[in-house]
Amino acid sequence: MSVGLRGERCIATEQYHRGALRILRPHYLDGTAQVCYVVVNPGGAYLGGDRYGIDVEVQPGARLLLTTQSATKIYRTPGSQAEQSTRIRLGAGASLESIPDQLIAYRGASYRQNTVVEMAASSSLVMAEVVTPGWSPDGALFGYDTVRLRTDISVDGRLVVLDNLQITPAGSSPVDGMAFLEHYTHLGSLLVVDQRVDAALVDELHDLLSPLDPDGQLGISLLAGPGLVVRALSNSTEPLNALIAAATDLLRARWHGQGPMNLRKY
């Protein structure tokens, strides 16, 4: 998919899909030029041996909000993992907000996600991710085999962010929890690369998000991108979605004069 600015609106100048992943018609959620596209998997879940590729270009000056219709579910993958590879290119002054629903890994699931972003120094990137364990018959919290999420971000050809997260729960106890997740089961992340990010913005986000994090499992770090990363732990999806929504709404209001995000899925 390639999105460009035409007149007063952003539109898809190129669009193609094949196989299980589909793209719904464009939506305009407010009075700005930003276009919203929804990725759909009619098959309902990812299975062993599945390979998905997503290629997105946001042309200079264009703005895209990319989301999913529902949670991405990874079912058992005996003998072979499921994979998704995403390539994103952002032109000068372009903006991408990638706000998918949560990734749910079920018992016996193995999943690898690779995301490569090539962006101009004047472009803006906001990417969210929530990882949750799926239900298992024995009640174990971490029944999946492994989840690996790798994101490489280059600005004007220079690698500025390499985020490599791997969760492998083998041998984890439902009582004692797992490694750095401690007694928590859900992980939320928000990655922002934008030249307007500075220490003052990090402090403002911390003041905004801390009251939404009663367990104190929130961390915000300044990146050299320039950018920032937000990470939080929880035992359910809703608090993490609330944190991500509050942070993205602040950025949208500050940088684009937009109101709160409303994806209208329900």
Protein backbone atom coordinates (compact mmCIF):
# COMPACT_ATOMS: atom_id res chain seq x y z
CA MET A 1 0.00 0.00 0.00
CA SER A 2 1.14 3.53 -0.78
CA VAL A 3 -0.67 6.52 0.74
CA GLY A 4 -0.34 10.04 -0.62
CA LEU A 5 -1.89 13.47 -0.09
CA ARG A 6 -4.39 14.41 -2.80
CA GLY A 7 -6.19 17.71 -2.37
CA GLU A 8 -7.54 17.91 1.17
CA ARG A 9 -7.36 14.19 1.92
CA CYS A 10 -4.87 11.36 2.05
CA ILE A 11 -5.74 8.41 -0.17
CA ALA A 12 -4.22 5.10 -1.22
CA THR A 13 -2.45 5.73 -4.52
CA GLU A 14 -1.52 2.03 -4.71
CA GLN A 15 -3.23 -0.87 -2.97
CA TYR A 16 -2.89 -4.62 -3.35
CA HIS A 17 -3.69 -7.61 -1.19
CA ARG A 18 -3.64 -11.35 -1.74
CA GLY A 19 -4.31 -14.34 0.48
CA ALA A 20 -5.51 -14.15 4.06
CA LEU A 21 -4.72 -10.50 4.87
CA ARG A 22 -7.11 -7.89 3.49
CA ILE A 23 -7.51 -4.13 3.70
CA LEU A 24 -10.90 -2.54 4.33
CA ARG A 25 -12.08 0.65 2.66
CA PRO A 26 -10.63 3.94 3.96
CA HIS A 27 -12.11 5.82 6.90
CA TYR A 28 -11.74 9.48 7.88
CA LEU A 29 -12.27 9.69 11.62
CA ASP A 30 -12.09 13.46 12.07
CA GLY A 31 -11.84 16.64 10.09
CA THR A 32 -8.18 16.26 9.22
CA ALA A 33 -6.60 14.81 6.09
CA GLN A 34 -5.46 11.65 7.90
CA VAL A 35 -6.78 8.42 6.43
CA CYS A 36 -7.40 5.25 8.47
CA TYR A 37 -7.04 1.78 6.97
CA VAL A 38 -7.95 -1.48 8.73
CA VAL A 39 -6.09 -4.77 8.16
CA VAL A 40 -8.32 -7.83 8.39
CA ASN A 41 -7.53 -11.54 8.59
CA PRO A 42 -10.69 -13.37 7.42
CA GLY A 43 -9.12 -16.67 8.51
CA GLY A 44 -9.38 -15.59 12.13
CA ALA A 45 -5.87 -16.55 13.28
CA TYR A 46 -2.26 -17.28 12.33
CA LEU A 47 -1.24 -20.94 12.15
CA GLY A 48 2.02 -22.86 11.85
CA GLY A 49 3.79 -22.21 8.57
CA ASP A 50 1.85 -19.02 7.83
CA ARG A 51 3.93 -16.22 6.29
CA TYR A 52 2.50 -12.73 6.03
CA GLY A 53 4.05 -9.69 4.40
CA ILE A 54 2.91 -6.07 4.80
CA ASP A 55 4.47 -3.23 2.79
CA VAL A 56 3.44 0.36 3.57
CA GLU A 57 4.65 3.61 2.05
CA VAL A 58 3.50 7.00 3.32
CA GLN A 59 4.43 9.61 0.76
CA PRO A 60 5.78 13.08 1.67
CA GLY A 61 3.27 15.11 3.67
CA ALA A 62 0.72 12.29 3.95
CA ARG A 63 -0.74 10.90 7.18
CA LEU A 64 -1.88 7.32 7.81
CA LEU A 65 -3.52 5.60 10.77
CA LEU A 66 -3.16 1.82 10.46
CA THR A 67 -5.03 -0.58 12.71
CA THR A 68 -6.55 -4.07 12.78
CA GLN A 69 -10.16 -5.19 12.89
CA SER A 70 -9.59 -7.33 15.98
CA ALA A 71 -6.90 -9.10 17.98
CA THR A 72 -4.17 -11.02 16.12
CA LYS A 73 -4.46 -14.60 17.39
CA ILE A 74 -1.60 -17.09 17.12
CA TYR A 75 -2.84 -20.67 17.50
CA ARG A 76 -0.70 -23.78 17.96
CA THR A 77 2.13 -23.99 15.45
CA PRO A 78 3.42 -27.57 15.65
CA GLY A 79 6.63 -28.01 13.68
CA SER A 80 6.76 -24.49 12.26
CA GLN A 81 6.30 -20.94 13.54
CA ALA A 82 4.03 -18.24 12.14
CA GLU A 83 5.78 -15.14 10.80
CA GLN A 84 4.88 -11.61 9.83
CA SER A 85 7.26 -9.24 8.05
CA THR A 86 6.40 -5.55 7.74
CA ARG A 87 8.26 -2.92 5.76
CA ILE A 88 7.41 0.76 6.27
CA ARG A 89 8.74 3.77 4.36
CA LEU A 90 7.95 7.34 5.45
CA GLY A 91 8.69 10.29 3.19
CA ALA A 92 9.58 13.81 4.31
CA GLY A 93 6.90 15.21 6.61
CA ALA A 94 4.91 11.95 6.52
CA SER A 95 3.19 10.51 9.59
CA LEU A 96 2.23 6.96 10.53
CA GLU A 97 0.32 5.81 13.60
CA SER A 98 0.24 2.01 13.84
CA ILE A 99 -2.23 1.02 16.56
CA PRO A 100 -3.17 -2.67 16.19
CA ASP A 101 -5.32 -4.65 18.58
CA GLN A 102 -3.53 -6.97 20.96
CA LEU A 103 -1.44 -9.96 19.90
CA ILE A 104 -2.70 -13.13 21.63
CA ALA A 105 -0.42 -16.18 21.69
CA TYR A 106 -2.16 -19.42 22.60
CA ARG A 107 -0.79 -22.68 23.99
CA GLY A 108 1.86 -24.16 21.72
CA ALA A 109 2.20 -21.01 19.61
CA SER A 110 5.49 -19.80 18.16
CA TYR A 111 5.51 -16.42 16.44
CA ARG A 112 8.09 -14.11 14.92
CA GLN A 113 7.41 -10.55 13.82
CA ASN A 114 9.96 -8.45 11.95
CA THR A 115 9.33 -4.76 11.28
CA VAL A 116 11.71 -2.58 9.27
CA VAL A 117 11.08 1.18 9.10
CA GLU A 118 12.90 3.60 6.82
CA MET A 119 11.95 7.20 7.54
CA ALA A 120 13.04 10.77 6.85
CA ALA A 121 14.21 12.97 9.70
CA SER A 122 11.12 15.16 9.30
CA SER A 123 8.64 12.27 9.38
CA SER A 124 6.81 10.91 12.42
CA LEU A 125 6.29 7.34 13.62
CA VAL A 126 4.06 6.08 16.46
CA MET A 127 3.82 2.29 16.91
CA ALA A 128 1.94 0.41 19.63
CA GLU A 129 1.94 -3.26 20.62
CA VAL A 130 0.20 -5.28 23.34
CA VAL A 131 1.19 -8.94 23.89
CA THR A 132 -1.10 -11.21 25.89
CA PRO A 133 -1.27 -14.95 26.64
CA GLY A 134 -4.23 -16.88 25.31
CA TRP A 135 -6.45 -19.25 27.23
CA SER A 136 -5.13 -22.74 27.89
CA PRO A 137 -7.03 -25.78 29.26
CA ASP A 138 -4.71 -26.24 32.26
CA GLY A 139 -4.92 -22.59 33.29
CA ALA A 140 -1.20 -21.93 32.73
CA LEU A 141 -0.49 -18.26 32.16
CA PHE A 142 2.28 -18.75 29.61
CA GLY A 143 1.33 -21.69 27.42
CA TYR A 144 2.86 -20.36 24.23
CA ASP A 145 6.32 -21.46 23.09
CA THR A 146 7.88 -18.17 22.02
CA VAL A 147 7.01 -14.68 20.81
CA ARG A 148 9.73 -12.61 19.18
CA LEU A 149 9.18 -9.04 18.02
CA ARG A 150 12.03 -7.23 16.29
CA THR A 151 11.84 -3.64 15.06
CA ASP A 152 14.60 -1.86 13.11
CA ILE A 153 14.17 1.88 12.48
CA SER A 154 16.46 3.94 10.28
CA VAL A 155 16.30 7.72 9.92
CA ASP A 156 17.85 9.14 6.73
CA GLY A 157 19.66 5.81 6.25
CA ARG A 158 21.10 5.64 9.78
CA LEU A 159 19.94 2.91 12.18
CA VAL A 160 18.63 4.68 15.29
CA VAL A 161 16.45 2.02 16.96
CA LEU A 162 16.82 -1.74 17.23
CA ASP A 163 14.19 -3.18 19.54
CA ASN A 164 14.43 -6.94 19.94
CA LEU A 165 11.93 -8.52 22.33
CA GLN A 166 11.76 -12.28 22.84
CA ILE A 167 9.50 -14.02 25.34
CA THR A 168 10.13 -17.76 25.75
CA PRO A 169 8.11 -19.09 28.69
CA ALA A 170 9.46 -22.68 28.81
CA GLY A 171 9.26 -23.97 32.39
CA SER A 172 7.51 -20.89 33.76
CA SER A 173 5.32 -21.41 36.77
CA PRO A 174 1.72 -20.13 36.75
CA VAL A 175 2.32 -19.13 40.39
CA ASP A 176 5.77 -17.56 40.29
CA GLY A 177 5.41 -15.82 36.94
CA MET A 178 8.07 -15.54 34.26
CA ALA A 179 11.37 -13.70 34.30
CA PHE A 180 11.07 -9.93 33.80
CA LEU A 181 7.26 -10.14 33.59
CA GLU A 182 7.24 -11.17 37.28
CA HIS A 183 3.61 -11.78 38.29
CA TYR A 184 2.21 -10.01 35.24
CA THR A 185 0.92 -11.58 32.05
CA HIS A 186 0.49 -8.69 29.60
CA LEU A 187 3.09 -6.39 28.06
CA GLY A 188 2.33 -3.06 26.39
CA SER A 189 4.75 -0.98 24.31
CA LEU A 190 4.61 2.36 22.54
CA LEU A 191 7.50 3.39 20.30
CA VAL A 192 7.73 6.97 19.05
CA VAL A 193 10.36 8.39 16.68
CA ASP A 194 9.91 12.09 15.97
CA GLN A 195 12.25 15.07 16.00
CA ARG A 196 9.87 16.88 18.40
CA VAL A 197 10.46 14.37 21.21
CA ASP A 198 12.54 15.73 24.09
CA ALA A 199 13.04 15.23 27.83
CA ALA A 200 10.21 17.65 28.65
CA LEU A 201 7.75 15.53 26.66
CA VAL A 202 8.92 12.38 28.46
CA ASP A 203 8.30 14.08 31.81
CA GLU A 204 4.85 15.23 30.68
CA LEU A 205 3.94 11.72 29.55
CA HIS A 206 5.15 10.27 32.84
CA ASP A 207 2.95 12.69 34.80
CA LEU A 208 -0.02 11.85 32.54
CA LEU A 209 0.37 8.07 32.55
CA SER A 210 1.48 7.37 36.13
CA PRO A 211 -2.06 7.77 37.60
CA LEU A 212 -3.26 5.20 35.04
CA ASP A 213 -0.68 2.69 36.32
CA PRO A 214 -1.68 1.79 39.91
CA ASP A 215 0.83 -1.08 40.11
CA GLY A 216 3.78 1.12 39.19
CA GLN A 217 4.86 -1.10 36.29
CA LEU A 218 5.40 1.75 33.82
CA GLY A 219 8.68 2.85 32.27
CA ILE A 220 9.40 5.64 29.79
CA SER A 221 12.82 6.05 28.17
CA LEU A 222 14.20 8.76 25.91
CA LEU A 223 15.76 7.48 22.68
CA ALA A 224 18.47 9.07 20.58
CA GLY A 225 16.22 8.84 17.50
CA PRO A 226 15.08 11.34 18.72
CA GLY A 227 12.19 9.42 20.21
CA LEU A 228 10.86 7.58 23.23
CA VAL A 229 9.62 4.17 24.28
CA VAL A 230 6.87 3.38 26.79
CA ARG A 231 6.68 -0.08 28.37
CA ALA A 232 4.15 -1.29 30.91
CA LEU A 233 3.07 -4.56 32.53
CA SER A 234 -0.41 -5.61 33.55
CA ASN A 235 -2.66 -8.60 34.09
CA SER A 236 -5.24 -7.48 31.53
CA THR A 237 -5.43 -5.68 28.22
CA GLU A 238 -7.63 -2.74 29.21
CA PRO A 239 -5.12 -0.84 31.41
CA LEU A 240 -2.46 -1.12 28.71
CA ASN A 241 -4.85 0.12 26.03
CA ALA A 242 -5.76 3.03 28.31
CA LEU A 243 -2.08 3.96 28.72
CA ILE A 244 -1.43 3.78 24.99
CA ALA A 245 -4.59 5.76 24.18
CA ALA A 246 -3.71 8.51 26.66
CA ALA A 247 -0.18 8.82 25.26
CA THR A 248 -1.24 8.84 21.60
CA ASP A 249 -4.04 11.32 22.29
CA LEU A 250 -1.53 13.71 23.85
CA LEU A 251 0.77 13.44 20.84
CA ARG A 252 -2.11 13.87 18.36
CA ALA A 253 -3.34 16.99 20.15
CA ARG A 254 0.14 18.45 20.52
CA TRP A 255 1.45 17.76 17.01
CA HIS A 256 -1.65 17.69 14.80
CA GLY A 257 -4.40 19.50 16.68
CA GLN A 258 -6.57 16.36 16.69
CA GLY A 259 -8.97 15.13 19.31
CA PRO A 260 -8.86 11.70 21.02
CA MET A 261 -8.56 8.69 18.74
CA ASN A 262 -11.80 6.81 18.14
CA LEU A 263 -11.34 3.72 15.99
CA ARG A 264 -15.08 2.88 16.06
CA LYS A 265 -14.74 -0.89 16.19
CA TYR A 266 -17.62 -1.63 18.50
